[in-house]
Amino acid sequence: MEDKLDSIIRTALDEDIQAGDITTLAVIPPGLPGKGIFIFKEDGIAAGLNVARRVFGIVDNTLKFENKIDDGSFVRKGEIIAEVKGKVSSILTAERTALNFLQRMSGIATAAHRLSSAVKHTKAKIIDTRKTAPGLRLTDKMAVRSGGCSNHRAGLYDMFLIKDNHIAAAGSITKAVEACKQFNLANNTSYKIEVETTSIAEVEEAVKTGADIIMLDNFDLAEMKKAVEIINGRCLVEASGGITGDSVAGAAETGVDFISVGAVTHSVKALDISLEIIKE
């Protein structure tokens, strides 16, 4: 995972720096010492501190980064969450990339925390989706965990998720599930099988196939509760589709095991965090 994270960070740095940080090269003496302090400008959950640390390390491995809190901590407006010491020129060159990760990841973690808090009185777990920023799935999903929620599948390669178009092409839910079972058998794999359903009739068919998880897509609360009763513990149940912070508690109270919320990553508002330079 470290190699993958480094690759993401190096791509972000290259996007920003390319031939060089010309303003810093022109204005800042090469050896000028100083430090930068990261300040939360609004209440929220901190996430991405170790990613920020690595950003500075890649730009200049002589920089010293110190966390003041841990990822997943609640932070009040005005609190300092970290500081970095060393060459001011290196700190400024890494600043925007580090802040981009910190702000986005803290925004995701803050949204995830609100959702997880709303369902803590139930057994339901909030999970994310594949609706992440292209190239940032690793860090987006890290942030989800920092906020107290869980990750769904990482991508198309680690779990079967039979959706409406798969079902239409295969001919039925039963045929699609059977094809996945045959794939596992032929390849000596044991990938979990999840089926998306859009009606009670599809739930009744899916549960007979022996699928591991049944997704209830855009069910209202009454239908959701009925589906949970029909499934009756024979597999895990995921609620999905249009669930928000206002409706998540009601969905959780129907007895589902998981609630997937794409908005926690695809519509997140970055948290306001600043870096202030202090000369030493």
Protein backbone atom coordinates (compact mmCIF):
# COMPACT_ATOMS: atom_id res chain seq x y z
CA MET A 1 0.00 0.00 0.00
CA GLU A 2 2.91 2.35 0.70
CA ASP A 3 4.14 2.07 -2.90
CA LYS A 4 0.65 2.83 -4.19
CA LEU A 5 0.30 5.81 -1.85
CA ASP A 6 3.70 7.14 -2.94
CA SER A 7 2.63 6.82 -6.58
CA ILE A 8 -0.53 8.85 -5.90
CA ILE A 9 1.46 11.53 -4.08
CA ARG A 10 4.17 11.73 -6.75
CA THR A 11 1.51 12.17 -9.44
CA ALA A 12 -0.05 15.00 -7.44
CA LEU A 13 3.32 16.67 -6.87
CA ASP A 14 4.26 16.39 -10.53
CA GLU A 15 0.93 17.93 -11.49
CA ASP A 16 1.72 20.93 -9.28
CA ILE A 17 5.48 21.40 -9.52
CA GLN A 18 6.64 20.03 -12.88
CA ALA A 19 9.77 22.07 -13.82
CA GLY A 20 9.84 23.88 -10.49
CA ASP A 21 8.12 26.18 -8.00
CA ILE A 22 9.27 29.36 -9.72
CA THR A 23 7.79 31.80 -7.20
CA THR A 24 9.54 30.12 -4.29
CA LEU A 25 12.78 29.81 -6.30
CA ALA A 26 12.67 33.53 -7.01
CA VAL A 27 11.58 34.84 -3.60
CA ILE A 28 12.80 32.48 -0.86
CA PRO A 29 16.50 32.04 0.02
CA PRO A 30 17.40 28.34 -0.44
CA GLY A 31 18.48 27.68 3.15
CA LEU A 32 15.99 29.88 5.03
CA PRO A 33 14.78 27.89 8.08
CA GLY A 34 11.25 27.98 9.42
CA LYS A 35 8.19 25.98 10.22
CA GLY A 36 4.63 25.64 9.01
CA ILE A 37 1.66 25.07 11.29
CA PHE A 38 -1.56 23.45 10.09
CA ILE A 39 -4.67 25.05 11.56
CA PHE A 40 -8.28 23.83 11.36
CA LYS A 41 -10.54 26.71 10.30
CA GLU A 42 -13.76 24.85 11.21
CA ASP A 43 -14.82 21.99 13.47
CA GLY A 44 -14.37 18.52 12.01
CA ILE A 45 -12.59 15.19 11.94
CA ALA A 46 -8.92 15.17 10.96
CA ALA A 47 -7.73 12.73 8.31
CA GLY A 48 -4.73 12.49 6.00
CA LEU A 49 -2.00 13.51 8.43
CA ASN A 50 0.23 10.59 7.50
CA VAL A 51 -0.37 11.32 3.82
CA ALA A 52 0.68 14.94 4.37
CA ARG A 53 3.77 13.70 6.22
CA ARG A 54 4.72 11.62 3.20
CA VAL A 55 4.16 14.56 0.83
CA PHE A 56 6.74 16.62 2.71
CA GLY A 57 9.10 13.65 2.95
CA ILE A 58 9.05 13.11 -0.81
CA VAL A 59 9.69 16.81 -1.51
CA ASP A 60 12.50 17.06 1.04
CA ASN A 61 13.44 14.22 3.36
CA THR A 62 15.14 16.62 5.77
CA LEU A 63 11.81 18.17 6.74
CA LYS A 64 10.47 17.16 10.17
CA PHE A 65 6.70 16.62 10.35
CA GLU A 66 4.98 16.27 13.72
CA ASN A 67 1.36 15.28 14.30
CA LYS A 68 -0.35 17.06 17.16
CA ILE A 69 -3.36 14.73 16.96
CA ASP A 70 -4.18 11.40 15.27
CA ASP A 71 -6.32 10.73 12.23
CA GLY A 72 -9.94 10.31 13.32
CA SER A 73 -9.68 12.92 16.08
CA PHE A 74 -12.35 15.59 16.47
CA VAL A 75 -10.76 19.04 16.08
CA ARG A 76 -12.17 22.43 17.01
CA LYS A 77 -11.82 25.54 14.86
CA GLY A 78 -8.49 27.22 15.56
CA GLU A 79 -6.66 24.11 16.78
CA ILE A 80 -3.22 23.21 15.42
CA ILE A 81 -3.14 19.65 14.07
CA ALA A 82 0.47 19.39 12.88
CA GLU A 83 3.65 21.30 12.19
CA VAL A 84 6.51 20.84 9.76
CA LYS A 85 10.01 22.20 10.29
CA GLY A 86 12.92 22.76 7.91
CA LYS A 87 13.62 24.75 4.78
CA VAL A 88 10.83 27.26 4.11
CA SER A 89 11.32 26.77 0.36
CA SER A 90 10.59 23.02 0.65
CA ILE A 91 7.58 23.60 2.92
CA LEU A 92 6.07 26.06 0.43
CA THR A 93 6.66 23.75 -2.52
CA ALA A 94 4.83 20.89 -0.77
CA GLU A 95 2.15 23.07 0.84
CA ARG A 96 -0.70 22.90 -1.68
CA THR A 97 -0.41 19.18 -2.35
CA ALA A 98 -0.36 18.40 1.37
CA LEU A 99 -3.35 20.67 1.99
CA ASN A 100 -5.30 19.18 -0.93
CA PHE A 101 -5.01 15.73 0.64
CA LEU A 102 -5.69 16.97 4.18
CA GLN A 103 -8.71 19.09 3.24
CA ARG A 104 -10.39 16.44 1.08
CA MET A 105 -9.68 13.58 3.45
CA SER A 106 -10.81 15.55 6.51
CA GLY A 107 -14.00 16.53 4.67
CA ILE A 108 -14.72 12.88 3.90
CA ALA A 109 -13.92 11.82 7.47
CA THR A 110 -16.19 14.52 8.87
CA ALA A 111 -19.09 13.42 6.64
CA ALA A 112 -18.45 9.77 7.52
CA HIS A 113 -18.46 10.58 11.23
CA ARG A 114 -21.88 12.24 10.97
CA LEU A 115 -23.30 9.18 9.23
CA SER A 116 -21.76 6.64 11.59
CA SER A 117 -22.98 8.62 14.60
CA ALA A 118 -26.52 8.63 13.23
CA VAL A 119 -26.73 4.80 13.18
CA LYS A 120 -24.72 3.88 16.29
CA HIS A 121 -27.89 2.70 18.04
CA THR A 122 -28.32 -0.03 15.39
CA LYS A 123 -26.25 -2.92 14.01
CA ALA A 124 -25.95 -1.27 10.60
CA LYS A 125 -22.54 -0.23 9.24
CA ILE A 126 -22.14 2.66 6.83
CA ILE A 127 -20.01 1.69 3.82
CA ASP A 128 -18.63 3.67 0.92
CA THR A 129 -18.87 2.96 -2.82
CA ARG A 130 -16.66 3.17 -5.92
CA LYS A 131 -17.82 6.77 -6.43
CA THR A 132 -14.42 8.17 -5.53
CA ALA A 133 -12.24 10.82 -7.21
CA PRO A 134 -10.34 9.16 -10.08
CA GLY A 135 -6.88 8.23 -8.88
CA LEU A 136 -7.69 8.92 -5.22
CA ARG A 137 -9.63 5.82 -4.23
CA LEU A 138 -6.97 4.70 -1.76
CA THR A 139 -6.93 8.00 0.15
CA ASP A 140 -10.70 8.50 -0.13
CA LYS A 141 -11.30 5.11 1.45
CA MET A 142 -8.65 5.74 4.13
CA ALA A 143 -10.59 8.89 5.06
CA VAL A 144 -13.87 6.97 5.26
CA ARG A 145 -12.32 4.68 7.86
CA SER A 146 -10.94 7.65 9.80
CA GLY A 147 -14.51 8.91 10.09
CA GLY A 148 -15.76 5.68 11.62
CA CYS A 149 -17.35 4.07 8.56
CA SER A 150 -16.29 0.98 6.60
CA ASN A 151 -15.12 0.26 3.07
CA HIS A 152 -17.11 -1.70 0.52
CA ARG A 153 -15.19 -3.46 -2.25
CA ALA A 154 -12.00 -1.74 -3.38
CA GLY A 155 -12.77 -2.17 -7.07
CA LEU A 156 -14.11 -4.48 -9.73
CA TYR A 157 -11.54 -7.15 -8.91
CA ASP A 158 -12.21 -8.21 -5.31
CA MET A 159 -15.92 -9.04 -5.12
CA PHE A 160 -18.83 -9.87 -7.42
CA LEU A 161 -21.52 -7.20 -7.55
CA ILE A 162 -24.27 -8.21 -9.95
CA LYS A 163 -26.13 -5.07 -11.03
CA ASP A 164 -29.16 -4.49 -13.24
CA ASN A 165 -27.18 -4.47 -16.49
CA HIS A 166 -25.41 -7.72 -15.60
CA ILE A 167 -28.80 -9.29 -14.85
CA ALA A 168 -30.28 -8.03 -18.12
CA ALA A 169 -27.35 -9.41 -20.12
CA ALA A 170 -27.28 -12.74 -18.25
CA GLY A 171 -31.04 -13.24 -18.50
CA SER A 172 -31.90 -13.45 -14.79
CA ILE A 173 -30.54 -13.07 -11.28
CA THR A 174 -30.33 -16.84 -10.96
CA LYS A 175 -28.24 -17.21 -14.14
CA ALA A 176 -25.92 -14.36 -13.13
CA VAL A 177 -25.27 -15.80 -9.66
CA GLU A 178 -24.67 -19.25 -11.11
CA ALA A 179 -22.13 -17.77 -13.54
CA CYS A 180 -20.26 -16.17 -10.63
CA LYS A 181 -20.23 -19.45 -8.73
CA GLN A 182 -18.84 -21.20 -11.81
CA PHE A 183 -16.16 -18.49 -12.11
CA ASN A 184 -15.10 -19.13 -8.52
CA LEU A 185 -15.02 -22.88 -9.14
CA ALA A 186 -13.04 -22.61 -12.37
CA ASN A 187 -10.51 -20.19 -10.92
CA ASN A 188 -10.23 -21.67 -7.42
CA THR A 189 -11.39 -18.36 -5.93
CA SER A 190 -13.94 -17.53 -3.26
CA TYR A 191 -15.09 -14.03 -4.09
CA LYS A 192 -18.25 -12.94 -2.27
CA ILE A 193 -21.36 -12.56 -4.42
CA GLU A 194 -23.64 -9.56 -4.01
CA VAL A 195 -26.84 -9.03 -6.01
CA GLU A 196 -28.57 -5.71 -6.61
CA THR A 197 -32.37 -5.95 -6.40
CA THR A 198 -35.04 -3.39 -7.23
CA SER A 199 -38.21 -5.18 -6.08
CA ILE A 200 -39.49 -7.67 -3.54
CA ALA A 201 -39.85 -10.25 -6.33
CA GLU A 202 -36.15 -9.88 -7.14
CA VAL A 203 -35.28 -10.22 -3.44
CA GLU A 204 -37.22 -13.49 -3.32
CA GLU A 205 -35.32 -14.79 -6.35
CA ALA A 206 -31.92 -13.59 -5.10
CA VAL A 207 -32.21 -15.17 -1.67
CA LYS A 208 -32.87 -18.57 -3.25
CA THR A 209 -29.58 -18.40 -5.18
CA GLY A 210 -27.45 -18.45 -2.04
CA ALA A 211 -25.89 -15.05 -2.68
CA ASP A 212 -23.77 -13.67 0.13
CA ILE A 213 -25.27 -10.16 0.12
CA ILE A 214 -28.47 -8.71 -1.29
CA MET A 215 -28.56 -5.02 -2.08
CA LEU A 216 -31.89 -3.22 -1.79
CA ASP A 217 -31.65 -0.47 -4.38
CA ASN A 218 -33.92 2.55 -3.82
CA PHE A 219 -36.38 0.67 -1.60
CA ASP A 220 -38.63 2.77 0.62
CA LEU A 221 -38.54 1.99 4.35
CA ALA A 222 -41.59 -0.27 4.30
CA GLU A 223 -40.19 -2.33 1.41
CA MET A 224 -36.79 -2.43 3.10
CA LYS A 225 -38.29 -3.83 6.29
CA LYS A 226 -40.29 -6.41 4.34
CA ALA A 227 -37.18 -7.49 2.41
CA VAL A 228 -35.22 -7.95 5.66
CA GLU A 229 -38.05 -10.16 6.97
CA ILE A 230 -38.07 -12.25 3.77
CA ILE A 231 -34.29 -12.71 3.83
CA ASN A 232 -34.48 -13.61 7.53
CA GLY A 233 -30.74 -13.85 8.13
CA ARG A 234 -30.01 -16.13 5.18
CA CYS A 235 -27.55 -13.57 3.84
CA LEU A 236 -26.38 -10.06 4.59
CA VAL A 237 -28.47 -7.09 3.49
CA GLU A 238 -27.30 -3.75 2.10
CA ALA A 239 -29.51 -0.70 1.63
CA SER A 240 -28.48 1.65 -1.16
CA GLY A 241 -29.68 4.52 -3.29
CA GLY A 242 -30.44 8.09 -2.29
CA ILE A 243 -29.82 7.61 1.43
CA THR A 244 -28.74 10.83 3.14
CA GLY A 245 -27.89 12.01 6.62
CA ASP A 246 -31.57 12.74 7.16
CA SER A 247 -32.77 9.27 6.17
CA VAL A 248 -29.90 7.03 7.23
CA ALA A 249 -31.18 6.34 10.75
CA GLY A 250 -34.56 5.20 9.44
CA ALA A 251 -32.88 2.85 6.98
CA ALA A 252 -30.65 1.42 9.71
CA GLU A 253 -33.65 0.75 11.94
CA THR A 254 -35.18 -1.61 9.35
CA GLY A 255 -32.57 -4.21 10.30
CA VAL A 256 -30.19 -4.01 7.33
CA ASP A 257 -26.54 -4.89 7.88
CA PHE A 258 -25.00 -2.24 5.63
CA ILE A 259 -25.97 1.12 4.19
CA SER A 260 -23.91 2.33 1.23
CA VAL A 261 -23.65 6.08 0.76
CA GLY A 262 -21.87 7.29 -2.36
CA ALA A 263 -22.12 10.93 -1.32
CA VAL A 264 -19.57 10.41 1.46
CA THR A 265 -16.88 10.49 -1.25
CA HIS A 266 -18.43 11.80 -4.47
CA SER A 267 -20.10 14.95 -3.10
CA VAL A 268 -17.88 15.78 -0.17
CA LYS A 269 -17.09 19.35 0.90
CA ALA A 270 -13.40 19.80 1.68
CA LEU A 271 -12.66 21.03 5.18
CA ASP A 272 -11.04 24.45 5.57
CA ILE A 273 -7.46 23.98 6.77
CA SER A 274 -4.61 26.48 6.46
CA LEU A 275 -0.83 26.34 6.65
CA GLU A 276 0.91 29.33 8.20
CA ILE A 277 4.66 29.84 7.78
CA ILE A 278 6.75 31.08 10.71
CA LYS A 279 10.40 32.08 10.11
CA GLU A 280 12.90 30.87 12.69
